[in-house]
Amino acid sequence: MNIVIDGTGFLLVTYSEIPVSFRSILFLSFLFSIIAVITIIIFLRGQKKDPESQTLHSFVAIGLKFLLEMFLALVWFIVAKKTSLPSVLIFFVLYLTLTLFSVSIILKTLKSRSL
């Protein structure tokens, strides 16, 4: 998944006039991928436990994802001062892409478990 995102980012930077560095795209996609993997690992680990623990693991996975992404947004926008329109757009496009990826895996797992 990350290879597709990075390849698309490379093509976007190379063939368009959007003033964002490829390094920023790589950095953000790497961090969002790590957050997505942590979320999925916690969720899938909880699926092997009893039903009460499954719910707790699901809430912890989603809550930790939310907190880590809020921290990343804080660092990206305030500490790194990446507040230009292209940087904000790249941040939210990558956020949306990898969040949809995580949610689709979680929903697919829950759907197959309930049958």
N, C-alpha and C. Protein backbone atom coordinates (compact mmCIF):
# COMPACT_ATOMS: atom_id res chain seq x y z
N MET A 1 0.82 -1.19 0.00
CA MET A 1 0.00 0.00 0.00
C MET A 1 0.87 1.25 0.00
N ASN A 2 1.90 1.23 0.81
CA ASN A 2 2.76 2.41 0.92
C ASN A 2 3.53 2.66 -0.37
N ILE A 3 3.86 1.61 -1.10
CA ILE A 3 4.57 1.78 -2.36
C ILE A 3 3.68 2.50 -3.37
N VAL A 4 2.42 2.16 -3.39
CA VAL A 4 1.48 2.82 -4.31
C VAL A 4 1.35 4.30 -3.95
N ILE A 5 1.23 4.59 -2.67
CA ILE A 5 1.10 5.98 -2.23
C ILE A 5 2.36 6.77 -2.55
N ASP A 6 3.52 6.19 -2.28
CA ASP A 6 4.77 6.90 -2.57
C ASP A 6 4.98 7.08 -4.07
N GLY A 7 4.60 6.08 -4.85
CA GLY A 7 4.71 6.21 -6.30
C GLY A 7 3.81 7.29 -6.85
N THR A 8 2.59 7.34 -6.33
CA THR A 8 1.66 8.39 -6.74
C THR A 8 2.17 9.76 -6.32
N GLY A 9 2.73 9.84 -5.13
CA GLY A 9 3.32 11.11 -4.67
C GLY A 9 4.48 11.54 -5.53
N PHE A 10 5.31 10.60 -5.95
CA PHE A 10 6.43 10.92 -6.83
C PHE A 10 5.94 11.46 -8.17
N LEU A 11 4.94 10.79 -8.73
CA LEU A 11 4.38 11.27 -10.00
C LEU A 11 3.73 12.64 -9.84
N LEU A 12 3.07 12.85 -8.72
CA LEU A 12 2.43 14.14 -8.46
C LEU A 12 3.46 15.26 -8.36
N VAL A 13 4.53 15.01 -7.65
CA VAL A 13 5.57 16.03 -7.49
C VAL A 13 6.31 16.26 -8.81
N THR A 14 6.57 15.19 -9.56
CA THR A 14 7.34 15.29 -10.79
C THR A 14 6.57 15.98 -11.91
N TYR A 15 5.30 15.60 -12.10
CA TYR A 15 4.56 16.06 -13.27
C TYR A 15 3.52 17.15 -13.00
N SER A 16 3.52 17.70 -11.81
CA SER A 16 2.61 18.80 -11.54
C SER A 16 3.39 19.98 -10.97
N GLU A 17 2.70 21.05 -10.82
CA GLU A 17 3.35 22.26 -10.31
C GLU A 17 3.03 22.49 -8.84
N ILE A 18 2.66 21.44 -8.12
CA ILE A 18 2.35 21.56 -6.70
C ILE A 18 3.67 21.71 -5.94
N PRO A 19 3.81 22.79 -5.18
CA PRO A 19 5.07 23.05 -4.48
C PRO A 19 5.19 22.29 -3.15
N VAL A 20 5.26 20.98 -3.22
CA VAL A 20 5.46 20.16 -2.02
C VAL A 20 6.60 19.20 -2.32
N SER A 21 7.43 18.95 -1.32
CA SER A 21 8.59 18.10 -1.55
C SER A 21 8.20 16.63 -1.46
N PHE A 22 8.90 15.83 -2.21
CA PHE A 22 8.67 14.39 -2.19
C PHE A 22 9.07 13.82 -0.84
N ARG A 23 10.04 14.41 -0.19
CA ARG A 23 10.49 13.99 1.13
C ARG A 23 9.35 14.11 2.15
N SER A 24 8.57 15.18 2.04
CA SER A 24 7.42 15.35 2.94
C SER A 24 6.38 14.26 2.73
N ILE A 25 6.13 13.91 1.48
CA ILE A 25 5.18 12.85 1.18
C ILE A 25 5.67 11.51 1.73
N LEU A 26 6.96 11.22 1.54
CA LEU A 26 7.53 9.98 2.06
C LEU A 26 7.43 9.93 3.58
N PHE A 27 7.79 11.03 4.23
CA PHE A 27 7.79 11.08 5.68
C PHE A 27 6.38 10.88 6.24
N LEU A 28 5.41 11.60 5.69
CA LEU A 28 4.03 11.48 6.17
C LEU A 28 3.45 10.11 5.89
N SER A 29 3.68 9.58 4.70
CA SER A 29 3.11 8.27 4.38
C SER A 29 3.73 7.19 5.27
N PHE A 30 5.01 7.32 5.59
CA PHE A 30 5.67 6.38 6.49
C PHE A 30 5.05 6.43 7.89
N LEU A 31 4.86 7.64 8.41
CA LEU A 31 4.28 7.78 9.75
C LEU A 31 2.83 7.32 9.81
N PHE A 32 2.04 7.68 8.81
CA PHE A 32 0.66 7.21 8.77
C PHE A 32 0.60 5.69 8.61
N SER A 33 1.52 5.10 7.88
CA SER A 33 1.56 3.65 7.72
C SER A 33 1.89 2.97 9.04
N ILE A 34 2.82 3.53 9.79
CA ILE A 34 3.16 2.97 11.10
C ILE A 34 1.94 3.02 12.02
N ILE A 35 1.24 4.14 12.02
CA ILE A 35 0.04 4.26 12.85
C ILE A 35 -1.02 3.25 12.42
N ALA A 36 -1.21 3.07 11.13
CA ALA A 36 -2.19 2.10 10.63
C ALA A 36 -1.80 0.68 11.01
N VAL A 37 -0.53 0.35 10.92
CA VAL A 37 -0.08 -1.00 11.27
C VAL A 37 -0.27 -1.25 12.77
N ILE A 38 0.05 -0.27 13.61
CA ILE A 38 -0.16 -0.42 15.05
C ILE A 38 -1.63 -0.65 15.35
N THR A 39 -2.50 0.12 14.70
CA THR A 39 -3.94 -0.03 14.90
C THR A 39 -4.41 -1.42 14.50
N ILE A 40 -3.99 -1.89 13.36
CA ILE A 40 -4.42 -3.19 12.86
C ILE A 40 -3.88 -4.32 13.73
N ILE A 41 -2.64 -4.20 14.19
CA ILE A 41 -2.06 -5.24 15.06
C ILE A 41 -2.84 -5.34 16.36
N ILE A 42 -3.14 -4.20 16.98
CA ILE A 42 -3.89 -4.23 18.24
C ILE A 42 -5.28 -4.82 18.01
N PHE A 43 -5.93 -4.41 16.93
CA PHE A 43 -7.26 -4.92 16.64
C PHE A 43 -7.24 -6.43 16.38
N LEU A 44 -6.34 -6.90 15.54
CA LEU A 44 -6.29 -8.32 15.21
C LEU A 44 -5.87 -9.16 16.40
N ARG A 45 -5.02 -8.62 17.25
CA ARG A 45 -4.63 -9.34 18.46
C ARG A 45 -5.84 -9.53 19.39
N GLY A 46 -6.68 -8.53 19.42
CA GLY A 46 -7.88 -8.63 20.25
C GLY A 46 -8.91 -9.60 19.71
N GLN A 47 -8.88 -9.87 18.42
CA GLN A 47 -9.85 -10.79 17.82
C GLN A 47 -9.62 -12.23 18.26
N LYS A 48 -8.45 -12.52 18.80
CA LYS A 48 -8.15 -13.88 19.27
C LYS A 48 -8.53 -14.08 20.73
N LYS A 49 -9.07 -13.05 21.36
CA LYS A 49 -9.43 -13.12 22.78
C LYS A 49 -10.92 -13.35 22.94
N ASP A 50 -11.37 -13.36 24.19
CA ASP A 50 -12.80 -13.53 24.47
C ASP A 50 -13.57 -12.28 24.04
N PRO A 51 -14.90 -12.37 23.88
CA PRO A 51 -15.70 -11.26 23.33
C PRO A 51 -15.56 -9.93 24.08
N GLU A 52 -15.46 -9.96 25.42
CA GLU A 52 -15.32 -8.71 26.16
C GLU A 52 -13.98 -8.05 25.84
N SER A 53 -12.95 -8.84 25.71
CA SER A 53 -11.62 -8.32 25.40
C SER A 53 -11.54 -7.83 23.95
N GLN A 54 -12.31 -8.45 23.06
CA GLN A 54 -12.34 -8.01 21.67
C GLN A 54 -12.83 -6.57 21.57
N THR A 55 -13.87 -6.26 22.32
CA THR A 55 -14.42 -4.90 22.30
C THR A 55 -13.41 -3.92 22.85
N LEU A 56 -12.76 -4.27 23.95
CA LEU A 56 -11.76 -3.40 24.55
C LEU A 56 -10.60 -3.16 23.59
N HIS A 57 -10.12 -4.22 22.95
CA HIS A 57 -9.02 -4.06 21.99
C HIS A 57 -9.43 -3.18 20.81
N SER A 58 -10.66 -3.32 20.35
CA SER A 58 -11.14 -2.48 19.25
C SER A 58 -11.15 -1.02 19.64
N PHE A 59 -11.68 -0.72 20.83
CA PHE A 59 -11.71 0.66 21.30
C PHE A 59 -10.30 1.22 21.53
N VAL A 60 -9.42 0.40 22.07
CA VAL A 60 -8.04 0.84 22.30
C VAL A 60 -7.35 1.11 20.96
N ALA A 61 -7.55 0.25 19.99
CA ALA A 61 -6.92 0.44 18.68
C ALA A 61 -7.39 1.73 18.03
N ILE A 62 -8.68 1.98 18.03
CA ILE A 62 -9.22 3.19 17.41
C ILE A 62 -8.83 4.43 18.21
N GLY A 63 -8.87 4.33 19.53
CA GLY A 63 -8.48 5.47 20.37
C GLY A 63 -7.01 5.82 20.23
N LEU A 64 -6.16 4.79 20.19
CA LEU A 64 -4.73 5.04 20.02
C LEU A 64 -4.45 5.62 18.64
N LYS A 65 -5.16 5.16 17.63
CA LYS A 65 -5.01 5.71 16.28
C LYS A 65 -5.36 7.19 16.29
N PHE A 66 -6.47 7.53 16.93
CA PHE A 66 -6.89 8.93 17.02
C PHE A 66 -5.84 9.78 17.73
N LEU A 67 -5.34 9.31 18.87
CA LEU A 67 -4.35 10.08 19.63
C LEU A 67 -3.03 10.24 18.87
N LEU A 68 -2.57 9.17 18.24
CA LEU A 68 -1.32 9.26 17.49
C LEU A 68 -1.44 10.20 16.29
N GLU A 69 -2.59 10.16 15.63
CA GLU A 69 -2.78 11.06 14.49
C GLU A 69 -2.96 12.51 14.93
N MET A 70 -3.56 12.73 16.08
CA MET A 70 -3.65 14.09 16.63
C MET A 70 -2.27 14.62 16.99
N PHE A 71 -1.43 13.76 17.57
CA PHE A 71 -0.06 14.15 17.90
C PHE A 71 0.72 14.45 16.62
N LEU A 72 0.56 13.61 15.61
CA LEU A 72 1.23 13.84 14.34
C LEU A 72 0.78 15.16 13.72
N ALA A 73 -0.50 15.46 13.78
CA ALA A 73 -1.02 16.73 13.24
C ALA A 73 -0.42 17.90 14.01
N LEU A 74 -0.33 17.77 15.33
CA LEU A 74 0.27 18.82 16.15
C LEU A 74 1.71 19.07 15.75
N VAL A 75 2.47 18.01 15.61
CA VAL A 75 3.88 18.15 15.22
C VAL A 75 4.00 18.70 13.81
N TRP A 76 3.18 18.21 12.89
CA TRP A 76 3.28 18.61 11.49
C TRP A 76 2.91 20.08 11.30
N PHE A 77 1.82 20.52 11.91
CA PHE A 77 1.33 21.87 11.67
C PHE A 77 1.96 22.92 12.58
N ILE A 78 2.23 22.60 13.83
CA ILE A 78 2.72 23.61 14.75
C ILE A 78 4.24 23.57 14.90
N VAL A 79 4.79 22.40 15.12
CA VAL A 79 6.24 22.31 15.33
C VAL A 79 7.00 22.47 14.01
N ALA A 80 6.58 21.72 12.97
CA ALA A 80 7.27 21.80 11.69
C ALA A 80 6.81 22.98 10.85
N LYS A 81 5.73 23.64 11.25
CA LYS A 81 5.18 24.82 10.57
C LYS A 81 4.89 24.56 9.09
N LYS A 82 4.27 23.44 8.84
CA LYS A 82 3.86 23.08 7.47
C LYS A 82 2.41 23.50 7.29
N THR A 83 2.18 24.80 7.16
CA THR A 83 0.81 25.30 7.09
C THR A 83 0.43 25.84 5.71
N SER A 84 1.27 25.62 4.73
CA SER A 84 0.89 26.06 3.39
C SER A 84 -0.21 25.14 2.87
N LEU A 85 -0.97 25.64 1.92
CA LEU A 85 -2.10 24.88 1.39
C LEU A 85 -1.68 23.51 0.83
N PRO A 86 -0.61 23.40 0.05
CA PRO A 86 -0.22 22.07 -0.45
C PRO A 86 0.17 21.10 0.68
N SER A 87 0.83 21.60 1.72
CA SER A 87 1.21 20.73 2.84
C SER A 87 -0.02 20.24 3.60
N VAL A 88 -0.98 21.12 3.79
CA VAL A 88 -2.22 20.73 4.48
C VAL A 88 -2.99 19.72 3.64
N LEU A 89 -3.07 19.95 2.35
CA LEU A 89 -3.78 19.01 1.47
C LEU A 89 -3.12 17.64 1.44
N ILE A 90 -1.80 17.61 1.34
CA ILE A 90 -1.08 16.34 1.34
C ILE A 90 -1.30 15.60 2.65
N PHE A 91 -1.27 16.33 3.76
CA PHE A 91 -1.50 15.72 5.08
C PHE A 91 -2.86 15.06 5.12
N PHE A 92 -3.90 15.77 4.74
CA PHE A 92 -5.25 15.22 4.86
C PHE A 92 -5.55 14.16 3.80
N VAL A 93 -4.95 14.24 2.64
CA VAL A 93 -5.13 13.17 1.65
C VAL A 93 -4.49 11.88 2.14
N LEU A 94 -3.29 11.97 2.69
CA LEU A 94 -2.64 10.78 3.23
C LEU A 94 -3.38 10.25 4.46
N TYR A 95 -3.85 11.16 5.29
CA TYR A 95 -4.64 10.75 6.47
C TYR A 95 -5.88 9.99 6.03
N LEU A 96 -6.61 10.53 5.08
CA LEU A 96 -7.83 9.89 4.61
C LEU A 96 -7.54 8.54 3.95
N THR A 97 -6.51 8.48 3.14
CA THR A 97 -6.17 7.24 2.44
C THR A 97 -5.85 6.12 3.41
N LEU A 98 -4.96 6.37 4.36
CA LEU A 98 -4.56 5.29 5.26
C LEU A 98 -5.60 5.02 6.35
N THR A 99 -6.43 5.99 6.65
CA THR A 99 -7.53 5.72 7.57
C THR A 99 -8.57 4.82 6.90
N LEU A 100 -8.88 5.09 5.64
CA LEU A 100 -9.82 4.22 4.92
C LEU A 100 -9.27 2.81 4.77
N PHE A 101 -7.97 2.69 4.59
CA PHE A 101 -7.33 1.38 4.51
C PHE A 101 -7.50 0.63 5.83
N SER A 102 -7.22 1.29 6.95
CA SER A 102 -7.36 0.65 8.26
C SER A 102 -8.81 0.27 8.54
N VAL A 103 -9.71 1.18 8.27
CA VAL A 103 -11.13 0.93 8.53
C VAL A 103 -11.64 -0.21 7.66
N SER A 104 -11.19 -0.28 6.41
CA SER A 104 -11.66 -1.36 5.54
C SER A 104 -11.19 -2.73 6.04
N ILE A 105 -9.97 -2.80 6.56
CA ILE A 105 -9.48 -4.06 7.12
C ILE A 105 -10.27 -4.43 8.36
N ILE A 106 -10.53 -3.46 9.22
CA ILE A 106 -11.29 -3.72 10.44
C ILE A 106 -12.71 -4.16 10.11
N LEU A 107 -13.35 -3.47 9.19
CA LEU A 107 -14.73 -3.84 8.82
C LEU A 107 -14.80 -5.20 8.14
N LYS A 108 -13.82 -5.50 7.30
CA LYS A 108 -13.81 -6.81 6.64
C LYS A 108 -13.63 -7.92 7.67
N THR A 109 -12.79 -7.68 8.67
CA THR A 109 -12.59 -8.68 9.73
C THR A 109 -13.85 -8.85 10.56
N LEU A 110 -14.48 -7.75 10.92
CA LEU A 110 -15.70 -7.84 11.72
C LEU A 110 -16.83 -8.50 10.94
N LYS A 111 -16.92 -8.22 9.65
CA LYS A 111 -17.97 -8.82 8.84
C LYS A 111 -17.79 -10.33 8.73
N SER A 112 -16.56 -10.78 8.53
CA SER A 112 -16.32 -12.22 8.41
C SER A 112 -16.45 -12.93 9.76
N ARG A 113 -16.20 -12.23 10.87
CA ARG A 113 -16.31 -12.82 12.20
C ARG A 113 -17.77 -12.99 12.62
N SER A 114 -18.64 -12.12 12.16
CA SER A 114 -20.04 -12.19 12.60
C SER A 114 -20.84 -13.25 11.87
N LEU A 115 -20.31 -13.78 10.79
CA LEU A 115 -21.04 -14.80 10.04
C LEU A 115 -20.94 -16.15 10.65
